[in-house]
Amino acid sequence: MREVITTKVNGYFITACWGPRAETPDRLAARFFQMIDRLQPIDPALDQWTYDRKSDLRTNRGDFAAYVASKIERDDYGGVNSSSGYWFGARSPDNVAPDQRFSIKCHSGKSIGEAFVNHVIIKQDTWVQPAEEPHRCSIFRSVLLAIADAWEPTTIEANCGWLVQRKTYDAHFRPAWMRYLCPTLAQEAKPPSCAIVECLPNGGLLLFATEQTFDVDNPRHVAAAEEIAAALAPLRPA
């Protein structure tokens, strides 16, 4: 998977978002491990993680909840407020080859604010030129579904920097290679004919602009991503 979350422009990444949801550090740690355990069989590059710059998740899981608790959001004066959530994550060890290093960044447990105040992001730390691999789409799909299962988000996108930089999208559902919608939104969505639609067992929807590796130089890929975003624009997550 050394070149999976990449692009020739600015890198691929996967982002899950959801609204206010109060959760304890123990619950957040449990969700995190549920995601990690689903990621590990997907590819060897997703089987090594450290946190707090030194601790190996394979041998120091017992300390992770305390680590999450220590990452509570603080104000300018150092005060804490659990309603503002926790910032935490993990990354590949330093001894992993640069083109196989990944990072996970979470802002979760926030119970105030509007839609999408909580998020989880998985990205590759070093961008490299992607290869045309036939299994690339299936790997992205597997990672996305692992995140969906663990975090129960409102939406998830597999995306790339070039599309994110465009300003012709709705703030909630911008153009993306893949788009997951939770069961509630799935009932309201009206995917365009260009979308490849997968109905998931939990009642959610997974929409693809293409089952090939997304290519920002391919007008069909870009047009499909933008058409899907336009069709989803009327949706307003709580």
Foldseek 3Di string as FASTA:
>chain_A
DLAQQAAPPFTKKKKFFWWADADALVLVLQLVVLLLVLLVVLDVLSPWKAWPLDHTCVPPSVCRSVVQVVQADADPVRDGDQLQAGWTWIKGHPPDPLSSIKIKIWGDRHRDDGTGSTMIMITRPDHDHHDFDLCSLVSVVSSNVSNCVRPVGQKMATAGDVQVPDDPFAPPQGFGQKMKGHQVLQVVADFDPQWDWDQDPRNIIMTGLDSTPQHPPDVSSRVSSRSRRVRSNVDDHD
